[in-house]
Amino acid sequence: MSDLLHVTPVPPVGGLAPVLPVRPERPAGAPAEHRPAPDDNSVAARTAGNLRAAYAQFIVNADTHEVIIRVKDANTDEILSEFPSKDMQAMMRAMKDYADTLARHRAAMHSTDAAL
């Protein structure tokens, strides 16, 4: 058994190195460093016109207080996709209604028990 595991001492750890700033400090209100204007070679992705022009619309559902994200076509305002989906929104609404009903039922049971 001693042949399988051989433990040897390790050298001691040296002193800590000083912490260096991530970026150089500049006085408050000083202008940021100048960045060159993007050129044709600095493009992150090319689509060759295959993607639709679209935008995201953020809506807060008044019933569930959940945020709904709708991706719409910029030209026609057609809804391309929605997160969460209509089915998921309906399920969340039903679960909230059930929880509200259960809370009212428990409150009613608690008030009748307290009256006795």
PDB file of N, CA and C in Angstrom:
ATOM      1  N   MET A   1       0.815  -1.179   0.000  1.00  0.00           N
ATOM      2  CA  MET A   1       0.000   0.000   0.000  1.00  0.00           C
ATOM      3  C   MET A   1       0.865   1.250   0.000  1.00  0.00           C
ATOM      4  N   SER A   2       1.987   1.239   0.659  1.00  0.00           N
ATOM      5  CA  SER A   2       2.852   2.415   0.708  1.00  0.00           C
ATOM      6  C   SER A   2       3.519   2.681  -0.636  1.00  0.00           C
ATOM      7  N   ASP A   3       3.557   1.699  -1.543  1.00  0.00           N
ATOM      8  CA  ASP A   3       4.159   1.895  -2.848  1.00  0.00           C
ATOM      9  C   ASP A   3       3.263   2.731  -3.773  1.00  0.00           C
ATOM     10  N   LEU A   4       1.963   2.729  -3.522  1.00  0.00           N
ATOM     11  CA  LEU A   4       1.044   3.433  -4.400  1.00  0.00           C
ATOM     12  C   LEU A   4       1.027   4.934  -4.153  1.00  0.00           C
ATOM     13  N   LEU A   5       1.206   5.366  -2.926  1.00  0.00           N
ATOM     14  CA  LEU A   5       1.089   6.766  -2.591  1.00  0.00           C
ATOM     15  C   LEU A   5       2.370   7.228  -1.930  1.00  0.00           C
ATOM     16  N   HIS A   6       3.062   8.134  -2.559  1.00  0.00           N
ATOM     17  CA  HIS A   6       4.312   8.642  -2.014  1.00  0.00           C
ATOM     18  C   HIS A   6       4.174  10.149  -1.839  1.00  0.00           C
ATOM     19  N   VAL A   7       4.176  10.629  -0.608  1.00  0.00           N
ATOM     20  CA  VAL A   7       3.991  12.038  -0.295  1.00  0.00           C
ATOM     21  C   VAL A   7       5.346  12.628   0.060  1.00  0.00           C
ATOM     22  N   THR A   8       5.681  13.739  -0.607  1.00  0.00           N
ATOM     23  CA  THR A   8       6.948  14.409  -0.328  1.00  0.00           C
ATOM     24  C   THR A   8       6.654  15.852   0.068  1.00  0.00           C
ATOM     25  N   PRO A   9       7.536  16.476   0.835  1.00  0.00           N
ATOM     26  CA  PRO A   9       7.305  17.871   1.213  1.00  0.00           C
ATOM     27  C   PRO A   9       7.439  18.791   0.001  1.00  0.00           C
ATOM     28  N   VAL A  10       6.741  19.909   0.052  1.00  0.00           N
ATOM     29  CA  VAL A  10       6.793  20.897  -1.019  1.00  0.00           C
ATOM     30  C   VAL A  10       7.603  22.095  -0.541  1.00  0.00           C
ATOM     31  N   PRO A  11       8.204  22.855  -1.458  1.00  0.00           N
ATOM     32  CA  PRO A  11       8.973  24.025  -1.035  1.00  0.00           C
ATOM     33  C   PRO A  11       8.043  25.086  -0.459  1.00  0.00           C
ATOM     34  N   PRO A  12       8.560  25.933   0.451  1.00  0.00           N
ATOM     35  CA  PRO A  12       7.705  26.967   1.041  1.00  0.00           C
ATOM     36  C   PRO A  12       7.288  28.010   0.005  1.00  0.00           C
ATOM     37  N   VAL A  13       6.161  28.614   0.257  1.00  0.00           N
ATOM     38  CA  VAL A  13       5.631  29.634  -0.632  1.00  0.00           C
ATOM     39  C   VAL A  13       6.349  30.949  -0.347  1.00  0.00           C
ATOM     40  N   GLY A  14       6.719  31.659  -1.419  1.00  0.00           N
ATOM     41  CA  GLY A  14       7.408  32.937  -1.269  1.00  0.00           C
ATOM     42  C   GLY A  14       6.443  34.046  -0.907  1.00  0.00           C
ATOM     43  N   GLY A  15       6.938  35.249  -0.795  1.00  0.00           N
ATOM     44  CA  GLY A  15       6.120  36.402  -0.452  1.00  0.00           C
ATOM     45  C   GLY A  15       5.145  36.747  -1.561  1.00  0.00           C
ATOM     46  N   LEU A  16       4.159  37.553  -1.216  1.00  0.00           N
ATOM     47  CA  LEU A  16       3.148  37.947  -2.183  1.00  0.00           C
ATOM     48  C   LEU A  16       3.661  39.072  -3.068  1.00  0.00           C
ATOM     49  N   ALA A  17       3.265  39.056  -4.315  1.00  0.00           N
ATOM     50  CA  ALA A  17       3.605  40.129  -5.242  1.00  0.00           C
ATOM     51  C   ALA A  17       2.618  41.271  -5.030  1.00  0.00           C
ATOM     52  N   PRO A  18       3.021  42.509  -5.262  1.00  0.00           N
ATOM     53  CA  PRO A  18       2.084  43.622  -5.087  1.00  0.00           C
ATOM     54  C   PRO A  18       0.965  43.555  -6.125  1.00  0.00           C
ATOM     55  N   VAL A  19      -0.191  44.076  -5.743  1.00  0.00           N
ATOM     56  CA  VAL A  19      -1.342  44.110  -6.637  1.00  0.00           C
ATOM     57  C   VAL A  19      -1.167  45.276  -7.596  1.00  0.00           C
ATOM     58  N   LEU A  20      -1.294  45.011  -8.883  1.00  0.00           N
ATOM     59  CA  LEU A  20      -1.137  46.038  -9.905  1.00  0.00           C
ATOM     60  C   LEU A  20      -2.508  46.478 -10.399  1.00  0.00           C
ATOM     61  N   PRO A  21      -2.672  47.759 -10.748  1.00  0.00           N
ATOM     62  CA  PRO A  21      -3.980  48.195 -11.257  1.00  0.00           C
ATOM     63  C   PRO A  21      -4.267  47.558 -12.612  1.00  0.00           C
ATOM     64  N   VAL A  22      -5.543  47.336 -12.870  1.00  0.00           N
ATOM     65  CA  VAL A  22      -5.955  46.726 -14.124  1.00  0.00           C
ATOM     66  C   VAL A  22      -5.724  47.685 -15.280  1.00  0.00           C
ATOM     67  N   ARG A  23      -6.045  48.936 -15.080  1.00  0.00           N
ATOM     68  CA  ARG A  23      -5.831  49.945 -16.113  1.00  0.00           C
ATOM     69  C   ARG A  23      -5.258  51.194 -15.441  1.00  0.00           C
ATOM     70  N   PRO A  24      -4.568  52.008 -16.168  1.00  0.00           N
ATOM     71  CA  PRO A  24      -4.002  53.205 -15.552  1.00  0.00           C
ATOM     72  C   PRO A  24      -5.101  54.150 -15.089  1.00  0.00           C
ATOM     73  N   GLU A  25      -4.866  54.753 -13.956  1.00  0.00           N
ATOM     74  CA  GLU A  25      -5.824  55.708 -13.403  1.00  0.00           C
ATOM     75  C   GLU A  25      -5.755  57.003 -14.196  1.00  0.00           C
ATOM     76  N   ARG A  26      -6.914  57.650 -14.381  1.00  0.00           N
ATOM     77  CA  ARG A  26      -6.928  58.971 -14.990  1.00  0.00           C
ATOM     78  C   ARG A  26      -7.816  59.844 -14.123  1.00  0.00           C
ATOM     79  N   PRO A  27      -7.538  61.112 -14.064  1.00  0.00           N
ATOM     80  CA  PRO A  27      -8.325  61.991 -13.200  1.00  0.00           C
ATOM     81  C   PRO A  27      -9.789  62.021 -13.628  1.00  0.00           C
ATOM     82  N   ALA A  28     -10.671  62.240 -12.643  1.00  0.00           N
ATOM     83  CA  ALA A  28     -12.100  62.329 -12.933  1.00  0.00           C
ATOM     84  C   ALA A  28     -12.344  63.496 -13.877  1.00  0.00           C
ATOM     85  N   GLY A  29     -13.159  63.306 -14.865  1.00  0.00           N
ATOM     86  CA  GLY A  29     -13.482  64.349 -15.819  1.00  0.00           C
ATOM     87  C   GLY A  29     -12.520  64.428 -16.988  1.00  0.00           C
ATOM     88  N   ALA A  30     -11.458  63.631 -16.948  1.00  0.00           N
ATOM     89  CA  ALA A  30     -10.503  63.645 -18.059  1.00  0.00           C
ATOM     90  C   ALA A  30     -11.115  62.886 -19.237  1.00  0.00           C
ATOM     91  N   PRO A  31     -10.879  63.325 -20.448  1.00  0.00           N
ATOM     92  CA  PRO A  31     -11.466  62.625 -21.607  1.00  0.00           C
ATOM     93  C   PRO A  31     -10.882  61.225 -21.750  1.00  0.00           C
ATOM     94  N   ALA A  32     -11.699  60.338 -22.248  1.00  0.00           N
ATOM     95  CA  ALA A  32     -11.248  58.968 -22.482  1.00  0.00           C
ATOM     96  C   ALA A  32     -10.254  58.955 -23.626  1.00  0.00           C
ATOM     97  N   GLU A  33      -9.485  57.893 -23.681  1.00  0.00           N
ATOM     98  CA  GLU A  33      -8.487  57.800 -24.745  1.00  0.00           C
ATOM     99  C   GLU A  33      -9.171  57.720 -26.107  1.00  0.00           C
ATOM    100  N   HIS A  34      -8.550  58.273 -27.099  1.00  0.00           N
ATOM    101  CA  HIS A  34      -9.121  58.312 -28.446  1.00  0.00           C
ATOM    102  C   HIS A  34      -9.039  56.928 -29.085  1.00  0.00           C
ATOM    103  N   ARG A  35     -10.141  56.501 -29.672  1.00  0.00           N
ATOM    104  CA  ARG A  35     -10.167  55.219 -30.384  1.00  0.00           C
ATOM    105  C   ARG A  35     -10.306  55.499 -31.864  1.00  0.00           C
ATOM    106  N   PRO A  36      -9.595  54.754 -32.692  1.00  0.00           N
ATOM    107  CA  PRO A  36      -9.715  54.989 -34.133  1.00  0.00           C
ATOM    108  C   PRO A  36     -11.100  54.601 -34.640  1.00  0.00           C
ATOM    109  N   ALA A  37     -11.536  55.264 -35.690  1.00  0.00           N
ATOM    110  CA  ALA A  37     -12.831  54.948 -36.289  1.00  0.00           C
ATOM    111  C   ALA A  37     -12.785  53.550 -36.894  1.00  0.00           C
ATOM    112  N   PRO A  38     -13.894  52.796 -36.783  1.00  0.00           N
ATOM    113  CA  PRO A  38     -13.891  51.449 -37.354  1.00  0.00           C
ATOM    114  C   PRO A  38     -13.749  51.492 -38.866  1.00  0.00           C
ATOM    115  N   ASP A  39     -13.041  50.531 -39.399  1.00  0.00           N
ATOM    116  CA  ASP A  39     -12.901  50.426 -40.847  1.00  0.00           C
ATOM    117  C   ASP A  39     -13.488  49.101 -41.304  1.00  0.00           C
ATOM    118  N   ASP A  40     -13.342  48.785 -42.566  1.00  0.00           N
ATOM    119  CA  ASP A  40     -13.914  47.555 -43.114  1.00  0.00           C
ATOM    120  C   ASP A  40     -13.339  46.299 -42.460  1.00  0.00           C
ATOM    121  N   ASN A  41     -12.122  46.339 -41.977  1.00  0.00           N
ATOM    122  CA  ASN A  41     -11.488  45.160 -41.388  1.00  0.00           C
ATOM    123  C   ASN A  41     -11.869  44.939 -39.934  1.00  0.00           C
ATOM    124  N   SER A  42     -12.561  45.888 -39.296  1.00  0.00           N
ATOM    125  CA  SER A  42     -12.898  45.749 -37.885  1.00  0.00           C
ATOM    126  C   SER A  42     -14.325  45.258 -37.662  1.00  0.00           C
ATOM    127  N   VAL A  43     -15.002  44.808 -38.686  1.00  0.00           N
ATOM    128  CA  VAL A  43     -16.376  44.331 -38.565  1.00  0.00           C
ATOM    129  C   VAL A  43     -16.382  42.995 -37.840  1.00  0.00           C
ATOM    130  N   ALA A  44     -17.277  42.854 -36.852  1.00  0.00           N
ATOM    131  CA  ALA A  44     -17.340  41.621 -36.065  1.00  0.00           C
ATOM    132  C   ALA A  44     -17.963  40.473 -36.850  1.00  0.00           C
ATOM    133  N   ALA A  45     -18.977  40.764 -37.672  1.00  0.00           N
ATOM    134  CA  ALA A  45     -19.640  39.706 -38.435  1.00  0.00           C
ATOM    135  C   ALA A  45     -20.226  40.307 -39.707  1.00  0.00           C
ATOM    136  N   ARG A  46     -20.253  39.520 -40.745  1.00  0.00           N
ATOM    137  CA  ARG A  46     -20.871  39.943 -42.005  1.00  0.00           C
ATOM    138  C   ARG A  46     -22.052  39.021 -42.289  1.00  0.00           C
ATOM    139  N   THR A  47     -23.175  39.621 -42.676  1.00  0.00           N
ATOM    140  CA  THR A  47     -24.364  38.813 -42.953  1.00  0.00           C
ATOM    141  C   THR A  47     -24.720  38.790 -44.423  1.00  0.00           C
ATOM    142  N   ALA A  48     -24.076  39.612 -45.225  1.00  0.00           N
ATOM    143  CA  ALA A  48     -24.353  39.696 -46.663  1.00  0.00           C
ATOM    144  C   ALA A  48     -25.818  40.018 -46.908  1.00  0.00           C
ATOM    145  N   GLY A  49     -26.449  40.716 -45.967  1.00  0.00           N
ATOM    146  CA  GLY A  49     -27.838  41.127 -46.144  1.00  0.00           C
ATOM    147  C   GLY A  49     -28.848  40.024 -45.910  1.00  0.00           C
ATOM    148  N   ASN A  50     -28.443  38.900 -45.320  1.00  0.00           N
ATOM    149  CA  ASN A  50     -29.358  37.781 -45.119  1.00  0.00           C
ATOM    150  C   ASN A  50     -30.202  37.911 -43.858  1.00  0.00           C
ATOM    151  N   LEU A  51     -29.830  38.783 -42.931  1.00  0.00           N
ATOM    152  CA  LEU A  51     -30.604  38.955 -41.706  1.00  0.00           C
ATOM    153  C   LEU A  51     -31.545  40.139 -41.849  1.00  0.00           C
ATOM    154  N   ARG A  52     -32.747  39.991 -41.287  1.00  0.00           N
ATOM    155  CA  ARG A  52     -33.712  41.077 -41.300  1.00  0.00           C
ATOM    156  C   ARG A  52     -33.284  42.169 -40.326  1.00  0.00           C
ATOM    157  N   ALA A  53     -33.624  43.385 -40.642  1.00  0.00           N
ATOM    158  CA  ALA A  53     -33.428  44.476 -39.692  1.00  0.00           C
ATOM    159  C   ALA A  53     -34.481  44.304 -38.602  1.00  0.00           C
ATOM    160  N   ALA A  54     -34.046  44.156 -37.355  1.00  0.00           N
ATOM    161  CA  ALA A  54     -34.971  43.876 -36.265  1.00  0.00           C
ATOM    162  C   ALA A  54     -34.565  44.662 -35.031  1.00  0.00           C
ATOM    163  N   TYR A  55     -35.504  44.749 -34.096  1.00  0.00           N
ATOM    164  CA  TYR A  55     -35.227  45.396 -32.811  1.00  0.00           C
ATOM    165  C   TYR A  55     -35.951  44.629 -31.715  1.00  0.00           C
ATOM    166  N   ALA A  56     -35.505  44.840 -30.474  1.00  0.00           N
ATOM    167  CA  ALA A  56     -36.119  44.172 -29.326  1.00  0.00           C
ATOM    168  C   ALA A  56     -36.987  45.171 -28.577  1.00  0.00           C
ATOM    169  N   GLN A  57     -38.152  44.712 -28.158  1.00  0.00           N
ATOM    170  CA  GLN A  57     -39.077  45.526 -27.377  1.00  0.00           C
ATOM    171  C   GLN A  57     -39.254  44.834 -26.032  1.00  0.00           C
ATOM    172  N   PHE A  58     -39.030  45.549 -24.939  1.00  0.00           N
ATOM    173  CA  PHE A  58     -39.165  45.001 -23.598  1.00  0.00           C
ATOM    174  C   PHE A  58     -40.467  45.504 -22.993  1.00  0.00           C
ATOM    175  N   ILE A  59     -41.306  44.556 -22.542  1.00  0.00           N
ATOM    176  CA  ILE A  59     -42.622  44.880 -22.002  1.00  0.00           C
ATOM    177  C   ILE A  59     -42.744  44.207 -20.640  1.00  0.00           C
ATOM    178  N   VAL A  60     -43.328  44.907 -19.658  1.00  0.00           N
ATOM    179  CA  VAL A  60     -43.598  44.311 -18.353  1.00  0.00           C
ATOM    180  C   VAL A  60     -45.063  43.896 -18.331  1.00  0.00           C
ATOM    181  N   ASN A  61     -45.304  42.595 -18.120  1.00  0.00           N
ATOM    182  CA  ASN A  61     -46.655  42.053 -18.055  1.00  0.00           C
ATOM    183  C   ASN A  61     -47.317  42.574 -16.779  1.00  0.00           C
ATOM    184  N   ALA A  62     -48.468  43.228 -16.919  1.00  0.00           N
ATOM    185  CA  ALA A  62     -49.147  43.820 -15.766  1.00  0.00           C
ATOM    186  C   ALA A  62     -49.669  42.769 -14.795  1.00  0.00           C
ATOM    187  N   ASP A  63     -50.019  41.579 -15.288  1.00  0.00           N
ATOM    188  CA  ASP A  63     -50.564  40.533 -14.419  1.00  0.00           C
ATOM    189  C   ASP A  63     -49.483  39.842 -13.600  1.00  0.00           C
ATOM    190  N   THR A  64     -48.409  39.435 -14.259  1.00  0.00           N
ATOM    191  CA  THR A  64     -47.385  38.618 -13.596  1.00  0.00           C
ATOM    192  C   THR A  64     -46.135  39.401 -13.218  1.00  0.00           C
ATOM    193  N   HIS A  65     -46.015  40.645 -13.696  1.00  0.00           N
ATOM    194  CA  HIS A  65     -44.831  41.484 -13.464  1.00  0.00           C
ATOM    195  C   HIS A  65     -43.565  40.855 -14.050  1.00  0.00           C
ATOM    196  N   GLU A  66     -43.723  40.043 -15.061  1.00  0.00           N
ATOM    197  CA  GLU A  66     -42.596  39.425 -15.755  1.00  0.00           C
ATOM    198  C   GLU A  66     -42.234  40.271 -16.969  1.00  0.00           C
ATOM    199  N   VAL A  67     -40.961  40.265 -17.333  1.00  0.00           N
ATOM    200  CA  VAL A  67     -40.510  41.004 -18.512  1.00  0.00           C
ATOM    201  C   VAL A  67     -40.675  40.123 -19.743  1.00  0.00           C
ATOM    202  N   ILE A  68     -41.293  40.681 -20.776  1.00  0.00           N
ATOM    203  CA  ILE A  68     -41.490  39.975 -22.044  1.00  0.00           C
ATOM    204  C   ILE A  68     -40.619  40.671 -23.079  1.00  0.00           C
ATOM    205  N   ILE A  69     -39.874  39.888 -23.829  1.00  0.00           N
ATOM    206  CA  ILE A  69     -39.014  40.438 -24.871  1.00  0.00           C
ATOM    207  C   ILE A  69     -39.607  40.038 -26.218  1.00  0.00           C
ATOM    208  N   ARG A  70     -39.942  41.039 -27.006  1.00  0.00           N
ATOM    209  CA  ARG A  70     -40.455  40.789 -28.353  1.00  0.00           C
ATOM    210  C   ARG A  70     -39.421  41.268 -29.354  1.00  0.00           C
ATOM    211  N   VAL A  71     -39.066  40.381 -30.285  1.00  0.00           N
ATOM    212  CA  VAL A  71     -38.172  40.742 -31.377  1.00  0.00           C
ATOM    213  C   VAL A  71     -39.057  41.035 -32.571  1.00  0.00           C
ATOM    214  N   LYS A  72     -38.976  42.294 -33.069  1.00  0.00           N
ATOM    215  CA  LYS A  72     -39.863  42.735 -34.143  1.00  0.00           C
ATOM    216  C   LYS A  72     -39.062  43.119 -35.374  1.00  0.00           C
ATOM    217  N   ASP A  73     -39.685  42.931 -36.527  1.00  0.00           N
ATOM    218  CA  ASP A  73     -39.107  43.370 -37.797  1.00  0.00           C
ATOM    219  C   ASP A  73     -39.138  44.894 -37.820  1.00  0.00           C
ATOM    220  N   ALA A  74     -38.024  45.510 -38.145  1.00  0.00           N
ATOM    221  CA  ALA A  74     -37.927  46.974 -38.123  1.00  0.00           C
ATOM    222  C   ALA A  74     -38.766  47.629 -39.215  1.00  0.00           C
ATOM    223  N   ASN A  75     -39.016  46.942 -40.308  1.00  0.00           N
ATOM    224  CA  ASN A  75     -39.765  47.539 -41.427  1.00  0.00           C
ATOM    225  C   ASN A  75     -41.269  47.370 -41.275  1.00  0.00           C
ATOM    226  N   THR A  76     -41.714  46.197 -40.821  1.00  0.00           N
ATOM    227  CA  THR A  76     -43.148  45.904 -40.774  1.00  0.00           C
ATOM    228  C   THR A  76     -43.724  45.848 -39.367  1.00  0.00           C
ATOM    229  N   ASP A  77     -42.896  45.891 -38.331  1.00  0.00           N
ATOM    230  CA  ASP A  77     -43.309  45.735 -36.925  1.00  0.00           C
ATOM    231  C   ASP A  77     -43.952  44.375 -36.656  1.00  0.00           C
ATOM    232  N   GLU A  78     -43.703  43.411 -37.522  1.00  0.00           N
ATOM    233  CA  GLU A  78     -44.184  42.043 -37.311  1.00  0.00           C
ATOM    234  C   GLU A  78     -43.369  41.418 -36.178  1.00  0.00           C
ATOM    235  N   ILE A  79     -44.044  40.689 -35.268  1.00  0.00           N
ATOM    236  CA  ILE A  79     -43.353  40.012 -34.170  1.00  0.00           C
ATOM    237  C   ILE A  79     -42.676  38.769 -34.731  1.00  0.00           C
ATOM    238  N   LEU A  80     -41.345  38.740 -34.652  1.00  0.00           N
ATOM    239  CA  LEU A  80     -40.586  37.596 -35.152  1.00  0.00           C
ATOM    240  C   LEU A  80     -40.492  36.501 -34.101  1.00  0.00           C
ATOM    241  N   SER A  81     -40.262  36.880 -32.849  1.00  0.00           N
ATOM    242  CA  SER A  81     -40.242  35.918 -31.745  1.00  0.00           C
ATOM    243  C   SER A  81     -40.531  36.649 -30.454  1.00  0.00           C
ATOM    244  N   GLU A  82     -40.889  35.860 -29.437  1.00  0.00           N
ATOM    245  CA  GLU A  82     -41.252  36.431 -28.148  1.00  0.00           C
ATOM    246  C   GLU A  82     -40.745  35.507 -27.055  1.00  0.00           C
ATOM    247  N   PHE A  83     -40.157  36.097 -26.024  1.00  0.00           N
ATOM    248  CA  PHE A  83     -39.602  35.328 -24.906  1.00  0.00           C
ATOM    249  C   PHE A  83     -40.146  35.885 -23.603  1.00  0.00           C
ATOM    250  N   PRO A  84     -40.764  35.149 -22.729  1.00  0.00           N
ATOM    251  CA  PRO A  84     -41.200  33.775 -22.910  1.00  0.00           C
ATOM    252  C   PRO A  84     -42.350  33.690 -23.915  1.00  0.00           C
ATOM    253  N   SER A  85     -42.585  32.503 -24.414  1.00  0.00           N
ATOM    254  CA  SER A  85     -43.609  32.302 -25.443  1.00  0.00           C
ATOM    255  C   SER A  85     -45.005  32.555 -24.875  1.00  0.00           C
ATOM    256  N   LYS A  86     -45.992  32.681 -25.770  1.00  0.00           N
ATOM    257  CA  LYS A  86     -47.384  32.890 -25.344  1.00  0.00           C
ATOM    258  C   LYS A  86     -47.851  31.761 -24.428  1.00  0.00           C
ATOM    259  N   ASP A  87     -47.464  30.518 -24.739  1.00  0.00           N
ATOM    260  CA  ASP A  87     -47.856  29.378 -23.907  1.00  0.00           C
ATOM    261  C   ASP A  87     -47.266  29.490 -22.501  1.00  0.00           C
ATOM    262  N   MET A  88     -45.996  29.892 -22.423  1.00  0.00           N
ATOM    263  CA  MET A  88     -45.351  30.046 -21.122  1.00  0.00           C
ATOM    264  C   MET A  88     -46.003  31.179 -20.333  1.00  0.00           C
ATOM    265  N   GLN A  89     -46.371  32.265 -21.013  1.00  0.00           N
ATOM    266  CA  GLN A  89     -47.053  33.374 -20.338  1.00  0.00           C
ATOM    267  C   GLN A  89     -48.399  32.924 -19.781  1.00  0.00           C
ATOM    268  N   ALA A  90     -49.129  32.122 -20.554  1.00  0.00           N
ATOM    269  CA  ALA A  90     -50.415  31.612 -20.091  1.00  0.00           C
ATOM    270  C   ALA A  90     -50.226  30.695 -18.886  1.00  0.00           C
ATOM    271  N   MET A  91     -49.182  29.869 -18.908  1.00  0.00           N
ATOM    272  CA  MET A  91     -48.911  28.978 -17.782  1.00  0.00           C
ATOM    273  C   MET A  91     -48.550  29.792 -16.530  1.00  0.00           C
ATOM    274  N   MET A  92     -47.730  30.845 -16.678  1.00  0.00           N
ATOM    275  CA  MET A  92     -47.366  31.676 -15.530  1.00  0.00           C
ATOM    276  C   MET A  92     -48.594  32.379 -14.956  1.00  0.00           C
ATOM    277  N   ARG A  93     -49.490  32.836 -15.846  1.00  0.00           N
ATOM    278  CA  ARG A  93     -50.711  33.494 -15.391  1.00  0.00           C
ATOM    279  C   ARG A  93     -51.582  32.501 -14.618  1.00  0.00           C
ATOM    280  N   ALA A  94     -51.717  31.267 -15.127  1.00  0.00           N
ATOM    281  CA  ALA A  94     -52.528  30.253 -14.450  1.00  0.00           C
ATOM    282  C   ALA A  94     -51.923  29.881 -13.096  1.00  0.00           C
ATOM    283  N   MET A  95     -50.601  29.776 -13.032  1.00  0.00           N
ATOM    284  CA  MET A  95     -49.956  29.445 -11.761  1.00  0.00           C
ATOM    285  C   MET A  95     -50.140  30.577 -10.747  1.00  0.00           C
ATOM    286  N   LYS A  96     -50.080  31.830 -11.210  1.00  0.00           N
ATOM    287  CA  LYS A  96     -50.290  32.969 -10.311  1.00  0.00           C
ATOM    288  C   LYS A  96     -51.725  32.966  -9.803  1.00  0.00           C
ATOM    289  N   ASP A  97     -52.698  32.703 -10.687  1.00  0.00           N
ATOM    290  CA  ASP A  97     -54.108  32.630 -10.276  1.00  0.00           C
ATOM    291  C   ASP A  97     -54.308  31.519  -9.248  1.00  0.00           C
ATOM    292  N   TYR A  98     -53.684  30.363  -9.470  1.00  0.00           N
ATOM    293  CA  TYR A  98     -53.795  29.245  -8.539  1.00  0.00           C
ATOM    294  C   TYR A  98     -53.193  29.609  -7.178  1.00  0.00           C
ATOM    295  N   ALA A  99     -52.026  30.248  -7.196  1.00  0.00           N
ATOM    296  CA  ALA A  99     -51.382  30.641  -5.937  1.00  0.00           C
ATOM    297  C   ALA A  99     -52.237  31.658  -5.192  1.00  0.00           C
ATOM    298  N   ASP A 100     -52.853  32.602  -5.923  1.00  0.00           N
ATOM    299  CA  ASP A 100     -53.731  33.580  -5.288  1.00  0.00           C
ATOM    300  C   ASP A 100     -54.952  32.897  -4.678  1.00  0.00           C
ATOM    301  N   THR A 101     -55.546  31.958  -5.398  1.00  0.00           N
ATOM    302  CA  THR A 101     -56.705  31.222  -4.891  1.00  0.00           C
ATOM    303  C   THR A 101     -56.335  30.423  -3.648  1.00  0.00           C
ATOM    304  N   LEU A 102     -55.190  29.762  -3.682  1.00  0.00           N
ATOM    305  CA  LEU A 102     -54.725  28.981  -2.537  1.00  0.00           C
ATOM    306  C   LEU A 102     -54.481  29.878  -1.330  1.00  0.00           C
ATOM    307  N   ALA A 103     -53.902  31.052  -1.559  1.00  0.00           N
ATOM    308  CA  ALA A 103     -53.656  31.992  -0.460  1.00  0.00           C
ATOM    309  C   ALA A 103     -54.964  32.475   0.147  1.00  0.00           C
ATOM    310  N   ARG A 104     -55.968  32.777  -0.707  1.00  0.00           N
ATOM    311  CA  ARG A 104     -57.268  33.194  -0.183  1.00  0.00           C
ATOM    312  C   ARG A 104     -57.927  32.068   0.609  1.00  0.00           C
ATOM    313  N   HIS A 105     -57.826  30.832   0.116  1.00  0.00           N
ATOM    314  CA  HIS A 105     -58.407  29.680   0.810  1.00  0.00           C
ATOM    315  C   HIS A 105     -57.746  29.487   2.173  1.00  0.00           C
ATOM    316  N   ARG A 106     -56.419  29.571   2.217  1.00  0.00           N
ATOM    317  CA  ARG A 106     -55.702  29.406   3.497  1.00  0.00           C
ATOM    318  C   ARG A 106     -56.061  30.531   4.463  1.00  0.00           C
ATOM    319  N   ALA A 107     -56.199  31.757   3.956  1.00  0.00           N
ATOM    320  CA  ALA A 107     -56.576  32.880   4.815  1.00  0.00           C
ATOM    321  C   ALA A 107     -57.968  32.671   5.374  1.00  0.00           C
ATOM    322  N   ALA A 108     -58.884  32.166   4.553  1.00  0.00           N
ATOM    323  CA  ALA A 108     -60.250  31.919   5.020  1.00  0.00           C
ATOM    324  C   ALA A 108     -60.266  30.816   6.068  1.00  0.00           C
ATOM    325  N   MET A 109     -59.485  29.768   5.843  1.00  0.00           N
ATOM    326  CA  MET A 109     -59.419  28.672   6.827  1.00  0.00           C
ATOM    327  C   MET A 109     -58.795  29.160   8.132  1.00  0.00           C
ATOM    328  N   HIS A 110     -57.801  30.010   8.034  1.00  0.00           N
ATOM    329  CA  HIS A 110     -57.129  30.542   9.227  1.00  0.00           C
ATOM    330  C   HIS A 110     -58.081  31.435  10.017  1.00  0.00           C
ATOM    331  N   SER A 111     -58.906  32.237   9.315  1.00  0.00           N
ATOM    332  CA  SER A 111     -59.818  33.145  10.005  1.00  0.00           C
ATOM    333  C   SER A 111     -60.947  32.376  10.687  1.00  0.00           C
ATOM    334  N   THR A 112     -61.400  31.247  10.125  1.00  0.00           N
ATOM    335  CA  THR A 112     -62.450  30.455  10.768  1.00  0.00           C
ATOM    336  C   THR A 112     -61.886  29.711  11.970  1.00  0.00           C
ATOM    337  N   ASP A 113     -60.607  29.276  11.895  1.00  0.00           N
ATOM    338  CA  ASP A 113     -59.982  28.606  13.033  1.00  0.00           C
ATOM    339  C   ASP A 113     -59.778  29.582  14.185  1.00  0.00           C
ATOM    340  N   ALA A 114     -59.441  30.828  13.866  1.00  0.00           N
ATOM    341  CA  ALA A 114     -59.205  31.839  14.903  1.00  0.00           C
ATOM    342  C   ALA A 114     -60.517  32.235  15.574  1.00  0.00           C
ATOM    343  N   ALA A 115     -61.635  32.164  14.831  1.00  0.00           N
ATOM    344  CA  ALA A 115     -62.946  32.530  15.398  1.00  0.00           C
ATOM    345  C   ALA A 115     -63.420  31.501  16.400  1.00  0.00           C
ATOM    346  N   LEU A 116     -62.978  30.254  16.274  1.00  0.00           N
ATOM    347  CA  LEU A 116     -63.411  29.210  17.209  1.00  0.00           C
ATOM    348  C   LEU A 116     -62.650  29.341  18.460  1.00  0.00           C
TER     349      LEU A 116
END
